């Protein structure tokens, strides 16, 4: 089933709880939370306290995406704050397998994100351990970027690899997703679609969800 995940990075933080509730009322399936540290990516966003506040505002699962150096340092804090999926970057973890085990031990589902230039081979030996694979279709750090077309090839390769190995983690994509391209991205193999500015930059959140589902074929 396709899941639409608005990213609060593009929301109005002066009324964050209202924005989260509005996404839920519009028909979103997941709330995506981008955590940035100003080191792994050139931007600084939020920490566990905000994640905890978002968790209190909505009954939807939280997909917490850690774009930070040495994410293993903060696994317990983000899980306790309410992360349903906790996703770390393969590029940021020296001991990726150990970090994934830690996430599971703390009680969350574990995910790995890959930057556009990072090959799928970077997660080949942990693929069996993953609940979610996040393909970045922009270079992480800022919202409002354009979708990188080569991401479709990566998604197709990932889809074929998972099928060949009889694996079924959630395949997510993040970056430049909008109603106009969501169908092609789904055809390539994605099932969880992170939408930032295309969602929170719209006047009618519900219309974005309806148009997206229409283009996904499940209106």
N, C-alpha and C. Protein backbone atom coordinates (compact mmCIF):
# COMPACT_ATOMS: atom_id res chain seq x y z
N UNK A 1 0.84 -1.20 0.00
CA UNK A 1 0.00 0.00 0.00
C UNK A 1 0.87 1.25 0.00
N UNK A 2 0.54 2.19 -0.86
CA UNK A 2 1.28 3.45 -0.93
C UNK A 2 1.03 4.29 0.31
N UNK A 3 2.09 4.89 0.83
CA UNK A 3 1.99 5.74 2.01
C UNK A 3 2.55 7.13 1.70
N UNK A 4 1.77 8.13 2.04
CA UNK A 4 2.20 9.52 1.84
C UNK A 4 2.65 10.08 3.17
N UNK A 5 3.88 10.63 3.17
CA UNK A 5 4.51 11.07 4.42
C UNK A 5 4.94 12.53 4.30
N UNK A 6 4.10 13.48 4.72
CA UNK A 6 4.51 14.88 4.72
C UNK A 6 5.71 15.11 5.63
N UNK A 7 6.66 15.89 5.16
CA UNK A 7 7.84 16.21 5.96
C UNK A 7 7.63 17.54 6.67
N UNK A 8 7.74 17.53 7.99
CA UNK A 8 7.51 18.75 8.75
C UNK A 8 8.62 19.77 8.55
N UNK A 9 9.69 19.39 7.85
CA UNK A 9 10.74 20.35 7.55
C UNK A 9 10.17 21.56 6.80
N UNK A 10 9.11 21.32 6.02
CA UNK A 10 8.51 22.39 5.22
C UNK A 10 7.28 23.00 5.89
N UNK A 11 6.96 22.55 7.09
CA UNK A 11 5.78 23.07 7.79
C UNK A 11 6.08 24.41 8.45
N UNK A 12 5.03 25.07 8.90
CA UNK A 12 5.15 26.32 9.65
C UNK A 12 5.42 25.97 11.11
N UNK A 13 6.65 26.14 11.56
CA UNK A 13 7.04 25.71 12.91
C UNK A 13 6.40 26.58 14.00
N UNK A 14 5.88 27.73 13.65
CA UNK A 14 5.21 28.56 14.65
C UNK A 14 3.86 27.97 15.05
N UNK A 15 3.38 27.02 14.26
CA UNK A 15 2.12 26.33 14.56
C UNK A 15 2.26 24.85 14.19
N UNK A 16 3.33 24.26 14.69
CA UNK A 16 3.72 22.93 14.27
C UNK A 16 2.66 21.88 14.59
N UNK A 17 2.10 21.91 15.77
CA UNK A 17 1.10 20.90 16.13
C UNK A 17 -0.10 20.98 15.19
N UNK A 18 -0.54 22.19 14.88
CA UNK A 18 -1.66 22.37 13.94
C UNK A 18 -1.32 21.82 12.57
N UNK A 19 -0.07 22.03 12.14
CA UNK A 19 0.37 21.54 10.84
C UNK A 19 0.39 20.02 10.79
N UNK A 20 0.81 19.40 11.88
CA UNK A 20 0.84 17.94 11.95
C UNK A 20 -0.58 17.39 11.92
N UNK A 21 -1.46 17.99 12.70
CA UNK A 21 -2.86 17.55 12.71
C UNK A 21 -3.52 17.76 11.36
N UNK A 22 -3.17 18.86 10.69
CA UNK A 22 -3.74 19.14 9.36
C UNK A 22 -3.31 18.08 8.36
N UNK A 23 -2.07 17.62 8.46
CA UNK A 23 -1.60 16.56 7.56
C UNK A 23 -2.38 15.27 7.79
N UNK A 24 -2.62 14.96 9.05
CA UNK A 24 -3.39 13.76 9.38
C UNK A 24 -4.81 13.87 8.84
N UNK A 25 -5.42 15.02 9.03
CA UNK A 25 -6.79 15.24 8.55
C UNK A 25 -6.87 15.22 7.03
N UNK A 26 -5.77 15.58 6.37
CA UNK A 26 -5.74 15.61 4.91
C UNK A 26 -5.63 14.21 4.31
N UNK A 27 -5.31 13.22 5.15
CA UNK A 27 -5.22 11.85 4.66
C UNK A 27 -3.81 11.29 4.58
N UNK A 28 -2.85 11.96 5.20
CA UNK A 28 -1.48 11.44 5.23
C UNK A 28 -1.44 10.14 6.02
N UNK A 29 -0.45 9.32 5.72
CA UNK A 29 -0.30 8.02 6.38
C UNK A 29 0.79 8.01 7.43
N UNK A 30 1.79 8.87 7.26
CA UNK A 30 2.99 8.89 8.08
C UNK A 30 3.42 10.35 8.22
N UNK A 31 4.06 10.69 9.33
CA UNK A 31 4.69 12.00 9.48
C UNK A 31 6.20 11.79 9.41
N UNK A 32 6.84 12.50 8.48
CA UNK A 32 8.29 12.38 8.29
C UNK A 32 8.99 13.52 9.03
N UNK A 33 10.01 13.16 9.80
CA UNK A 33 10.73 14.14 10.61
C UNK A 33 12.20 14.14 10.21
N UNK A 34 12.68 15.26 9.68
CA UNK A 34 14.06 15.38 9.25
C UNK A 34 14.91 16.00 10.35
N UNK A 35 15.89 15.24 10.81
CA UNK A 35 16.80 15.70 11.86
C UNK A 35 18.17 15.96 11.24
N UNK A 36 18.65 17.19 11.34
CA UNK A 36 19.92 17.58 10.73
C UNK A 36 20.81 18.24 11.77
N UNK A 37 22.12 17.99 11.66
CA UNK A 37 23.04 18.46 12.70
C UNK A 37 24.01 19.55 12.24
N UNK A 38 23.93 19.98 10.99
CA UNK A 38 24.85 21.01 10.50
C UNK A 38 26.24 20.48 10.20
N UNK A 39 26.43 19.17 10.30
CA UNK A 39 27.73 18.56 10.01
C UNK A 39 27.61 17.54 8.88
N UNK A 40 26.73 16.57 9.05
CA UNK A 40 26.50 15.62 7.97
C UNK A 40 25.84 16.31 6.78
N UNK A 41 24.97 17.25 7.07
CA UNK A 41 24.35 18.09 6.04
C UNK A 41 24.48 19.56 6.47
N UNK A 42 24.47 20.49 5.52
CA UNK A 42 24.68 21.91 5.86
C UNK A 42 23.43 22.61 6.36
N UNK A 43 22.81 22.06 7.37
CA UNK A 43 21.62 22.67 7.93
C UNK A 43 21.42 22.10 9.32
N UNK A 44 20.73 22.82 10.18
CA UNK A 44 20.43 22.36 11.53
C UNK A 44 18.92 22.45 11.71
N UNK A 45 18.31 21.37 12.21
CA UNK A 45 16.85 21.42 12.39
C UNK A 45 16.46 21.16 13.83
N UNK A 46 16.06 19.93 14.15
CA UNK A 46 15.41 19.66 15.43
C UNK A 46 16.05 18.49 16.15
N UNK A 47 15.60 18.27 17.40
CA UNK A 47 16.10 17.17 18.21
C UNK A 47 14.96 16.37 18.82
N UNK A 48 15.27 15.50 19.77
CA UNK A 48 14.26 14.61 20.36
C UNK A 48 13.08 15.32 21.00
N UNK A 49 13.28 16.50 21.58
CA UNK A 49 12.16 17.19 22.23
C UNK A 49 11.06 17.55 21.24
N UNK A 50 11.44 17.98 20.04
CA UNK A 50 10.44 18.30 19.02
C UNK A 50 9.78 17.02 18.52
N UNK A 51 10.56 15.97 18.35
CA UNK A 51 9.98 14.69 17.93
C UNK A 51 8.93 14.23 18.95
N UNK A 52 9.24 14.38 20.22
CA UNK A 52 8.29 14.00 21.28
C UNK A 52 7.02 14.84 21.20
N UNK A 53 7.18 16.13 20.91
CA UNK A 53 6.01 17.01 20.79
C UNK A 53 5.16 16.61 19.59
N UNK A 54 5.80 16.29 18.47
CA UNK A 54 5.07 15.86 17.28
C UNK A 54 4.32 14.56 17.56
N UNK A 55 4.96 13.67 18.27
CA UNK A 55 4.34 12.39 18.62
C UNK A 55 3.07 12.61 19.43
N UNK A 56 3.07 13.60 20.28
CA UNK A 56 1.88 13.89 21.09
C UNK A 56 0.76 14.50 20.25
N UNK A 57 1.11 15.09 19.11
CA UNK A 57 0.12 15.79 18.29
C UNK A 57 -0.63 14.88 17.33
N UNK A 58 -0.13 13.67 17.11
CA UNK A 58 -0.71 12.84 16.06
C UNK A 58 -0.65 11.37 16.43
N UNK A 59 -1.62 10.62 15.91
CA UNK A 59 -1.62 9.17 16.09
C UNK A 59 -0.90 8.46 14.95
N UNK A 60 -0.43 9.22 13.96
CA UNK A 60 0.26 8.61 12.82
C UNK A 60 1.67 8.17 13.22
N UNK A 61 2.18 7.12 12.58
CA UNK A 61 3.57 6.71 12.85
C UNK A 61 4.55 7.79 12.42
N UNK A 62 5.64 7.92 13.15
CA UNK A 62 6.68 8.89 12.84
C UNK A 62 7.85 8.19 12.17
N UNK A 63 8.23 8.72 11.03
CA UNK A 63 9.40 8.26 10.28
C UNK A 63 10.50 9.28 10.53
N UNK A 64 11.40 8.96 11.45
CA UNK A 64 12.42 9.91 11.87
C UNK A 64 13.71 9.62 11.12
N UNK A 65 14.15 10.60 10.35
CA UNK A 65 15.28 10.47 9.43
C UNK A 65 16.47 11.24 10.00
N UNK A 66 17.47 10.52 10.48
CA UNK A 66 18.62 11.14 11.12
C UNK A 66 19.71 11.46 10.09
N UNK A 67 19.80 12.70 9.72
CA UNK A 67 20.88 13.17 8.84
C UNK A 67 21.95 13.80 9.71
N UNK A 68 22.60 12.95 10.51
CA UNK A 68 23.55 13.43 11.51
C UNK A 68 24.78 12.51 11.56
N UNK A 69 25.88 13.06 12.01
CA UNK A 69 27.09 12.28 12.22
C UNK A 69 26.93 11.38 13.44
N UNK A 70 27.44 10.19 13.35
CA UNK A 70 27.42 9.23 14.45
C UNK A 70 26.02 9.12 15.08
N UNK A 71 25.03 8.74 14.30
CA UNK A 71 23.65 8.70 14.82
C UNK A 71 23.45 7.73 15.97
N UNK A 72 24.36 6.75 16.10
CA UNK A 72 24.22 5.78 17.18
C UNK A 72 24.21 6.43 18.55
N UNK A 73 24.76 7.64 18.66
CA UNK A 73 24.80 8.35 19.95
C UNK A 73 23.41 8.70 20.46
N UNK A 74 22.44 8.83 19.55
CA UNK A 74 21.13 9.35 19.94
C UNK A 74 19.98 8.39 19.68
N UNK A 75 20.29 7.13 19.41
CA UNK A 75 19.23 6.17 19.13
C UNK A 75 18.21 6.08 20.27
N UNK A 76 18.61 5.89 21.52
CA UNK A 76 17.60 5.77 22.59
C UNK A 76 16.71 7.00 22.72
N UNK A 77 17.31 8.17 22.60
CA UNK A 77 16.53 9.41 22.77
C UNK A 77 15.44 9.54 21.71
N UNK A 78 15.77 9.23 20.47
CA UNK A 78 14.77 9.39 19.41
C UNK A 78 13.71 8.30 19.45
N UNK A 79 14.09 7.10 19.83
CA UNK A 79 13.09 6.04 19.97
C UNK A 79 12.14 6.36 21.11
N UNK A 80 12.69 6.78 22.23
CA UNK A 80 11.85 7.13 23.37
C UNK A 80 10.95 8.33 23.07
N UNK A 81 11.40 9.19 22.15
CA UNK A 81 10.59 10.36 21.79
C UNK A 81 9.41 9.99 20.91
N UNK A 82 9.42 8.78 20.33
CA UNK A 82 8.26 8.34 19.57
C UNK A 82 8.50 7.87 18.15
N UNK A 83 9.76 7.67 17.77
CA UNK A 83 10.04 7.21 16.41
C UNK A 83 9.50 5.80 16.19
N UNK A 84 8.74 5.64 15.11
CA UNK A 84 8.25 4.33 14.70
C UNK A 84 9.31 3.67 13.83
N UNK A 85 9.75 4.41 12.80
CA UNK A 85 10.94 4.04 12.03
C UNK A 85 12.04 5.02 12.41
N UNK A 86 13.23 4.51 12.62
CA UNK A 86 14.39 5.37 12.85
C UNK A 86 15.40 5.03 11.75
N UNK A 87 15.65 6.02 10.89
CA UNK A 87 16.48 5.80 9.71
C UNK A 87 17.79 6.55 9.84
N UNK A 88 18.88 5.83 9.62
CA UNK A 88 20.22 6.43 9.67
C UNK A 88 20.83 6.34 8.27
N UNK A 89 21.84 7.16 8.03
CA UNK A 89 22.53 7.14 6.75
C UNK A 89 23.68 6.15 6.77
N UNK A 90 23.76 5.35 5.71
CA UNK A 90 24.88 4.42 5.58
C UNK A 90 26.21 5.17 5.61
N UNK A 91 26.21 6.37 5.04
CA UNK A 91 27.45 7.16 4.95
C UNK A 91 27.91 7.70 6.31
N UNK A 92 26.99 7.73 7.29
CA UNK A 92 27.30 8.34 8.59
C UNK A 92 27.65 7.33 9.67
N UNK A 93 27.52 6.04 9.35
CA UNK A 93 27.74 5.00 10.36
C UNK A 93 29.00 4.19 10.09
N UNK A 94 29.91 4.21 11.03
CA UNK A 94 31.09 3.36 10.91
C UNK A 94 30.72 1.90 11.11
N UNK A 95 29.82 1.65 12.05
CA UNK A 95 29.38 0.29 12.37
C UNK A 95 27.87 0.20 12.13
N UNK A 96 27.50 0.12 10.87
CA UNK A 96 26.09 0.19 10.49
C UNK A 96 25.27 -0.96 11.07
N UNK A 97 25.77 -2.18 10.97
CA UNK A 97 25.02 -3.33 11.48
C UNK A 97 24.74 -3.20 12.97
N UNK A 98 25.75 -2.76 13.71
CA UNK A 98 25.57 -2.58 15.15
C UNK A 98 24.51 -1.52 15.45
N UNK A 99 24.52 -0.44 14.68
CA UNK A 99 23.53 0.63 14.88
C UNK A 99 22.12 0.13 14.61
N UNK A 100 21.95 -0.67 13.57
CA UNK A 100 20.62 -1.22 13.25
C UNK A 100 20.14 -2.14 14.37
N UNK A 101 21.04 -2.95 14.90
CA UNK A 101 20.68 -3.81 16.02
C UNK A 101 20.25 -2.98 17.23
N UNK A 102 20.96 -1.87 17.45
CA UNK A 102 20.65 -0.99 18.58
C UNK A 102 19.25 -0.40 18.44
N UNK A 103 18.91 0.02 17.24
CA UNK A 103 17.57 0.59 17.00
C UNK A 103 16.50 -0.44 17.33
N UNK A 104 16.70 -1.66 16.86
CA UNK A 104 15.73 -2.73 17.14
C UNK A 104 15.64 -3.01 18.64
N UNK A 105 16.79 -3.06 19.30
CA UNK A 105 16.80 -3.34 20.74
C UNK A 105 16.04 -2.27 21.51
N UNK A 106 16.08 -1.03 21.01
CA UNK A 106 15.38 0.06 21.69
C UNK A 106 13.88 0.05 21.41
N UNK A 107 13.46 -0.74 20.40
CA UNK A 107 12.03 -0.90 20.17
C UNK A 107 11.46 -0.25 18.93
N UNK A 108 12.30 0.27 18.04
CA UNK A 108 11.82 0.89 16.80
C UNK A 108 12.18 0.01 15.61
N UNK A 109 11.58 0.31 14.49
CA UNK A 109 11.94 -0.34 13.24
C UNK A 109 13.11 0.41 12.63
N UNK A 110 14.02 -0.33 12.01
CA UNK A 110 15.26 0.31 11.56
C UNK A 110 15.27 0.52 10.05
N UNK A 111 15.84 1.65 9.65
CA UNK A 111 15.95 1.97 8.24
C UNK A 111 17.32 2.53 7.93
N UNK A 112 17.68 2.44 6.65
CA UNK A 112 18.93 3.03 6.17
C UNK A 112 18.62 3.92 4.98
N UNK A 113 19.22 5.11 4.97
CA UNK A 113 19.08 6.05 3.85
C UNK A 113 20.36 6.06 3.04
N UNK A 114 20.20 6.28 1.73
CA UNK A 114 21.33 6.36 0.82
C UNK A 114 21.27 7.67 0.05
N UNK A 115 22.37 8.42 0.07
CA UNK A 115 22.47 9.63 -0.73
C UNK A 115 22.46 9.29 -2.22
N UNK A 116 22.16 10.27 -3.08
CA UNK A 116 22.08 9.99 -4.52
C UNK A 116 23.29 9.30 -5.11
N UNK A 117 24.49 9.65 -4.67
CA UNK A 117 25.71 9.06 -5.26
C UNK A 117 26.16 7.79 -4.56
N UNK A 118 25.44 7.36 -3.52
CA UNK A 118 25.82 6.15 -2.80
C UNK A 118 25.20 4.93 -3.46
N UNK A 119 26.00 3.94 -3.83
CA UNK A 119 25.44 2.76 -4.51
C UNK A 119 24.68 1.85 -3.56
N UNK A 120 23.80 1.06 -4.13
CA UNK A 120 23.03 0.11 -3.34
C UNK A 120 23.91 -0.95 -2.69
N UNK A 121 25.09 -1.17 -3.25
CA UNK A 121 26.00 -2.15 -2.66
C UNK A 121 26.42 -1.78 -1.24
N UNK A 122 26.24 -0.51 -0.85
CA UNK A 122 26.60 -0.07 0.50
C UNK A 122 25.76 -0.75 1.56
N UNK A 123 24.57 -1.25 1.17
CA UNK A 123 23.70 -1.91 2.16
C UNK A 123 23.48 -3.39 1.84
N UNK A 124 24.25 -3.93 0.92
CA UNK A 124 24.05 -5.30 0.48
C UNK A 124 24.08 -6.28 1.65
N UNK A 125 25.01 -6.09 2.58
CA UNK A 125 25.19 -7.06 3.66
C UNK A 125 24.33 -6.77 4.89
N UNK A 126 23.49 -5.75 4.83
CA UNK A 126 22.53 -5.52 5.92
C UNK A 126 21.10 -5.53 5.41
N UNK A 127 20.93 -5.80 4.14
CA UNK A 127 19.60 -5.71 3.54
C UNK A 127 18.59 -6.62 4.23
N UNK A 128 19.05 -7.79 4.67
CA UNK A 128 18.16 -8.72 5.37
C UNK A 128 17.70 -8.18 6.72
N UNK A 129 18.40 -7.20 7.26
CA UNK A 129 18.10 -6.68 8.60
C UNK A 129 17.22 -5.44 8.59
N UNK A 130 16.83 -4.97 7.41
CA UNK A 130 16.18 -3.66 7.31
C UNK A 130 14.65 -3.75 7.27
N UNK A 131 14.03 -2.79 7.95
CA UNK A 131 12.58 -2.61 7.86
C UNK A 131 12.23 -1.55 6.82
N UNK A 132 13.20 -0.70 6.49
CA UNK A 132 12.95 0.39 5.55
C UNK A 132 14.24 0.76 4.84
N UNK A 133 14.15 1.03 3.54
CA UNK A 133 15.25 1.58 2.77
C UNK A 133 14.79 2.91 2.20
N UNK A 134 15.54 3.97 2.49
CA UNK A 134 15.18 5.30 2.02
C UNK A 134 16.15 5.74 0.94
N UNK A 135 15.62 5.88 -0.27
CA UNK A 135 16.42 6.37 -1.40
C UNK A 135 16.28 7.88 -1.48
N UNK A 136 17.38 8.58 -1.28
CA UNK A 136 17.35 10.03 -1.40
C UNK A 136 17.38 10.43 -2.87
N UNK A 137 16.37 11.17 -3.28
CA UNK A 137 16.28 11.61 -4.68
C UNK A 137 16.67 13.08 -4.84
N UNK A 138 17.25 13.63 -3.78
CA UNK A 138 17.95 14.93 -3.81
C UNK A 138 19.14 14.78 -2.87
N UNK A 139 20.09 15.68 -2.96
CA UNK A 139 21.16 15.69 -1.97
C UNK A 139 20.60 16.30 -0.68
N UNK A 140 20.72 15.58 0.43
CA UNK A 140 20.02 16.00 1.65
C UNK A 140 20.57 17.29 2.24
N UNK A 141 19.69 17.97 2.97
CA UNK A 141 20.10 19.18 3.67
C UNK A 141 19.12 20.33 3.57
N UNK A 142 18.37 20.38 2.47
CA UNK A 142 17.44 21.47 2.27
C UNK A 142 16.18 20.98 1.56
N UNK A 143 15.05 21.62 1.86
CA UNK A 143 13.82 21.30 1.16
C UNK A 143 13.72 22.08 -0.14
N UNK A 144 12.73 21.71 -0.95
CA UNK A 144 12.44 22.46 -2.16
C UNK A 144 13.31 22.14 -3.35
N UNK A 145 14.09 21.06 -3.29
CA UNK A 145 14.96 20.72 -4.41
C UNK A 145 14.22 19.89 -5.46
N UNK A 146 14.79 19.84 -6.67
CA UNK A 146 14.19 19.08 -7.76
C UNK A 146 14.62 17.62 -7.71
N UNK A 147 13.71 16.75 -8.04
CA UNK A 147 13.93 15.31 -8.09
C UNK A 147 15.05 14.97 -9.07
N UNK A 148 15.98 14.11 -8.64
CA UNK A 148 17.07 13.66 -9.50
C UNK A 148 16.59 12.44 -10.29
N UNK A 149 16.45 12.55 -11.62
CA UNK A 149 15.86 11.46 -12.42
C UNK A 149 16.57 10.12 -12.28
N UNK A 150 17.88 10.12 -12.07
CA UNK A 150 18.64 8.87 -11.96
C UNK A 150 18.17 8.04 -10.77
N UNK A 151 17.44 8.68 -9.84
CA UNK A 151 16.92 7.95 -8.69
C UNK A 151 15.96 6.84 -9.12
N UNK A 152 15.30 7.02 -10.26
CA UNK A 152 14.37 5.99 -10.73
C UNK A 152 15.11 4.69 -11.04
N UNK A 153 16.29 4.81 -11.64
CA UNK A 153 17.07 3.61 -11.94
C UNK A 153 17.50 2.91 -10.65
N UNK A 154 17.89 3.69 -9.66
CA UNK A 154 18.29 3.09 -8.38
C UNK A 154 17.10 2.37 -7.75
N UNK A 155 15.92 2.98 -7.81
CA UNK A 155 14.73 2.35 -7.25
C UNK A 155 14.39 1.05 -7.97
N UNK A 156 14.50 1.05 -9.28
CA UNK A 156 14.20 -0.18 -10.03
C UNK A 156 15.19 -1.29 -9.67
N UNK A 157 16.46 -0.94 -9.55
CA UNK A 157 17.46 -1.94 -9.18
C UNK A 157 17.19 -2.48 -7.78
N UNK A 158 16.84 -1.60 -6.87
CA UNK A 158 16.50 -2.02 -5.51
C UNK A 158 15.29 -2.94 -5.52
N UNK A 159 14.27 -2.57 -6.27
CA UNK A 159 13.07 -3.40 -6.36
C UNK A 159 13.41 -4.80 -6.85
N UNK A 160 14.22 -4.89 -7.89
CA UNK A 160 14.59 -6.18 -8.45
C UNK A 160 15.44 -7.00 -7.48
N UNK A 161 16.32 -6.32 -6.76
CA UNK A 161 17.17 -7.01 -5.78
C UNK A 161 16.34 -7.59 -4.64
N UNK A 162 15.39 -6.80 -4.14
CA UNK A 162 14.54 -7.27 -3.05
C UNK A 162 13.69 -8.46 -3.49
N UNK A 163 13.17 -8.38 -4.70
CA UNK A 163 12.36 -9.49 -5.22
C UNK A 163 13.20 -10.75 -5.34
N UNK A 164 14.42 -10.61 -5.87
CA UNK A 164 15.29 -11.76 -6.05
C UNK A 164 15.66 -12.41 -4.72
N UNK A 165 15.72 -11.61 -3.66
CA UNK A 165 16.12 -12.13 -2.35
C UNK A 165 14.93 -12.37 -1.43
N UNK A 166 13.71 -12.20 -1.97
CA UNK A 166 12.47 -12.42 -1.21
C UNK A 166 12.44 -11.58 0.07
N UNK A 167 12.83 -10.32 -0.07
CA UNK A 167 12.82 -9.39 1.05
C UNK A 167 11.75 -8.33 0.84
N UNK A 168 11.23 -7.78 1.93
CA UNK A 168 10.13 -6.82 1.78
C UNK A 168 10.20 -5.63 2.74
N UNK A 169 11.35 -4.97 2.87
CA UNK A 169 11.36 -3.73 3.65
C UNK A 169 10.54 -2.67 2.92
N UNK A 170 10.07 -1.69 3.65
CA UNK A 170 9.40 -0.56 3.03
C UNK A 170 10.43 0.19 2.19
N UNK A 171 10.08 0.49 0.94
CA UNK A 171 10.96 1.28 0.08
C UNK A 171 10.43 2.71 0.05
N UNK A 172 11.22 3.62 0.60
CA UNK A 172 10.81 5.02 0.69
C UNK A 172 11.68 5.87 -0.22
N UNK A 173 11.15 7.01 -0.61
CA UNK A 173 11.91 7.95 -1.44
C UNK A 173 11.65 9.36 -0.91
N UNK A 174 12.70 10.16 -0.92
CA UNK A 174 12.63 11.49 -0.30
C UNK A 174 13.38 12.49 -1.17
N UNK A 175 12.65 13.50 -1.66
CA UNK A 175 13.29 14.58 -2.39
C UNK A 175 12.61 14.89 -3.70
N UNK A 176 11.95 16.03 -3.77
CA UNK A 176 11.32 16.47 -5.00
C UNK A 176 10.08 15.70 -5.39
N UNK A 177 9.47 14.99 -4.45
CA UNK A 177 8.26 14.22 -4.75
C UNK A 177 7.05 15.15 -4.76
N UNK A 178 6.22 15.01 -5.78
CA UNK A 178 5.01 15.81 -5.93
C UNK A 178 3.98 15.00 -6.69
N UNK A 179 2.73 15.43 -6.71
CA UNK A 179 1.70 14.65 -7.40
C UNK A 179 2.04 14.36 -8.86
N UNK A 180 2.75 15.27 -9.50
CA UNK A 180 3.03 15.12 -10.92
C UNK A 180 4.03 14.00 -11.23
N UNK A 181 4.89 13.64 -10.29
CA UNK A 181 5.87 12.59 -10.59
C UNK A 181 5.71 11.35 -9.71
N UNK A 182 4.75 11.36 -8.81
CA UNK A 182 4.63 10.28 -7.84
C UNK A 182 4.29 8.95 -8.50
N UNK A 183 3.53 8.99 -9.61
CA UNK A 183 3.19 7.75 -10.31
C UNK A 183 4.42 7.06 -10.87
N UNK A 184 5.30 7.82 -11.49
CA UNK A 184 6.52 7.24 -12.07
C UNK A 184 7.44 6.70 -10.98
N UNK A 185 7.47 7.38 -9.84
CA UNK A 185 8.31 6.93 -8.73
C UNK A 185 7.75 5.63 -8.14
N UNK A 186 6.43 5.54 -8.06
CA UNK A 186 5.80 4.30 -7.58
C UNK A 186 6.07 3.15 -8.54
N UNK A 187 5.98 3.42 -9.83
CA UNK A 187 6.23 2.39 -10.84
C UNK A 187 7.65 1.84 -10.72
N UNK A 188 8.58 2.69 -10.29
CA UNK A 188 9.98 2.28 -10.14
C UNK A 188 10.20 1.43 -8.89
N UNK A 189 9.22 1.42 -7.98
CA UNK A 189 9.34 0.54 -6.83
C UNK A 189 9.13 1.16 -5.46
N UNK A 190 8.91 2.46 -5.38
CA UNK A 190 8.71 3.10 -4.07
C UNK A 190 7.30 2.88 -3.55
N UNK A 191 7.15 2.88 -2.23
CA UNK A 191 5.83 2.73 -1.63
C UNK A 191 5.57 3.73 -0.50
N UNK A 192 6.62 4.39 -0.03
CA UNK A 192 6.44 5.46 0.95
C UNK A 192 7.05 6.72 0.34
N UNK A 193 6.24 7.77 0.24
CA UNK A 193 6.63 8.97 -0.49
C UNK A 193 6.70 10.17 0.45
N UNK A 194 7.91 10.64 0.69
CA UNK A 194 8.09 11.82 1.54
C UNK A 194 7.83 13.06 0.69
N UNK A 195 6.94 13.91 1.15
CA UNK A 195 6.59 15.13 0.43
C UNK A 195 6.78 16.32 1.35
N UNK A 196 7.64 17.25 0.95
CA UNK A 196 7.90 18.43 1.76
C UNK A 196 7.19 19.65 1.26
N UNK A 197 7.87 20.44 0.44
CA UNK A 197 7.30 21.70 -0.04
C UNK A 197 6.09 21.48 -0.93
N UNK A 198 6.02 20.35 -1.64
CA UNK A 198 4.86 20.07 -2.49
C UNK A 198 3.60 19.89 -1.64
N UNK A 199 3.80 19.48 -0.39
CA UNK A 199 2.65 19.31 0.52
C UNK A 199 2.40 20.59 1.32
N UNK A 200 3.39 20.97 2.13
CA UNK A 200 3.17 22.10 3.02
C UNK A 200 3.23 23.45 2.30
N UNK A 201 3.66 23.46 1.06
CA UNK A 201 3.63 24.70 0.29
C UNK A 201 2.32 24.91 -0.45
N UNK A 202 1.43 23.91 -0.36
CA UNK A 202 0.14 24.00 -1.04
C UNK A 202 -0.90 24.66 -0.15
N UNK A 203 -1.91 25.25 -0.76
CA UNK A 203 -2.98 25.87 0.01
C UNK A 203 -3.94 24.83 0.56
N UNK A 204 -4.11 23.74 -0.18
CA UNK A 204 -5.06 22.70 0.20
C UNK A 204 -4.32 21.38 0.34
N UNK A 205 -4.01 20.99 1.58
CA UNK A 205 -3.27 19.75 1.81
C UNK A 205 -4.05 18.53 1.33
N UNK A 206 -5.35 18.56 1.57
CA UNK A 206 -6.19 17.44 1.15
C UNK A 206 -6.16 17.23 -0.35
N UNK A 207 -6.11 18.33 -1.10
CA UNK A 207 -6.07 18.22 -2.56
C UNK A 207 -4.76 17.57 -3.02
N UNK A 208 -3.68 17.84 -2.32
CA UNK A 208 -2.38 17.23 -2.66
C UNK A 208 -2.46 15.72 -2.46
N UNK A 209 -3.04 15.30 -1.35
CA UNK A 209 -3.16 13.87 -1.08
C UNK A 209 -4.09 13.21 -2.11
N UNK A 210 -5.22 13.84 -2.40
CA UNK A 210 -6.17 13.26 -3.36
C UNK A 210 -5.54 13.13 -4.75
N UNK A 211 -4.85 14.17 -5.20
CA UNK A 211 -4.21 14.13 -6.51
C UNK A 211 -3.11 13.08 -6.55
N UNK A 212 -2.37 12.98 -5.45
CA UNK A 212 -1.30 11.97 -5.39
C UNK A 212 -1.88 10.57 -5.47
N UNK A 213 -2.93 10.32 -4.73
CA UNK A 213 -3.54 8.98 -4.74
C UNK A 213 -4.17 8.68 -6.10
N UNK A 214 -4.71 9.70 -6.73
CA UNK A 214 -5.25 9.53 -8.08
C UNK A 214 -4.15 9.09 -9.04
N UNK A 215 -2.99 9.74 -8.94
CA UNK A 215 -1.87 9.40 -9.82
C UNK A 215 -1.20 8.10 -9.44
N UNK A 216 -1.44 7.65 -8.22
CA UNK A 216 -0.94 6.35 -7.78
C UNK A 216 -1.90 5.22 -8.14
N UNK A 217 -3.11 5.61 -8.53
CA UNK A 217 -4.09 4.61 -8.90
C UNK A 217 -4.89 4.06 -7.75
N UNK A 218 -4.80 4.73 -6.58
CA UNK A 218 -5.60 4.24 -5.44
C UNK A 218 -6.45 5.36 -4.86
N UNK A 219 -7.01 6.19 -5.73
CA UNK A 219 -7.86 7.32 -5.29
C UNK A 219 -9.10 6.77 -4.59
